[in-house]
């Protein structure tokens, strides 16, 4: 045979699951996008078409929805752990399961204080508005012996309107960028971080609390860093997480530099560099893209580089 089969996996991608939990008049929402990828003893289905070892992707879809009802959705990570363990331990040909989750947040809508509410609306706890900040992400991989749990986020857009500079860089014949001693620093954070929990023999992190605290550390570092480069800010964000969260050993970021350029208003007789404010053009593309991994000392990187880069 002149060819052999290489790495392969299959599953049902992007299962949209919305779980409503009702506690009397108070309702709670978990809104997930769940993708399942399974691998193992799958050579024969590729070589001959035999489906003897194939769990249908439709079955994986049904399992996702059934588990949402049977086990609930405590967190994206916990739900992924339940699913990964089930697929590997219930199906002998399956040796590895990877569950990738996106979670979309909803905020409860506070009721109005006006007198125009409908009768009985005083204690409405079942109305929500989609939170537009970021999408929470998680990836759980299980091989029958150990878990690997990544948590993360994407589309978290942040900006510092000052306390950022960029100067002293290499210049050649193609350099036109002017040095900046007070600039806008804006980016859209994509990040993945790896937990050091790998088995039931360890104390499992409190996933919801861990995510919330990690996000806050990222934001605090972004706010508190006087930035001379986006690379410096990235490192401070990662270092803050590693130093503050003992359950996290590695974090990787992809940070596009959302450039804001001063608009030339001189043709209109206007100066656009005044201390009381300025007008900027927010460029869509191209953009600088800064990526790096920050590790706890002594740990080896495990987050794939291509999980974040273009």
Foldseek 3Di string as FASTA:
>chain_A
DPDADDDDKDAAFFQWDWDWDDDDLAIDIWTKGKTKIWDFQDRCCVVPVDCPQPDDNVVLSVVLHVCCVVVNDLDPQVSQVVSFCCVPVVRPRTQKMKMKMKIWDKDFDDDDPDPPDDPPCNDHNPDIDTDDAWIKIKMWMDRPPKIKIKIWIWQHKDKDQWLEWEDPDDDDPPDDDDGGPTHMWMWIKTKIWIFPHIDPVDDDDSVVVLVVVLVVLLVVLLVPDSYHDVQVSVQSSQVSSVVPDVRTFKMKIKIWGFDWAFDDPVVVVDDAPDPVHGHTDGDDDDTDIDIDMDGDPPDDDDDDPVVHDD
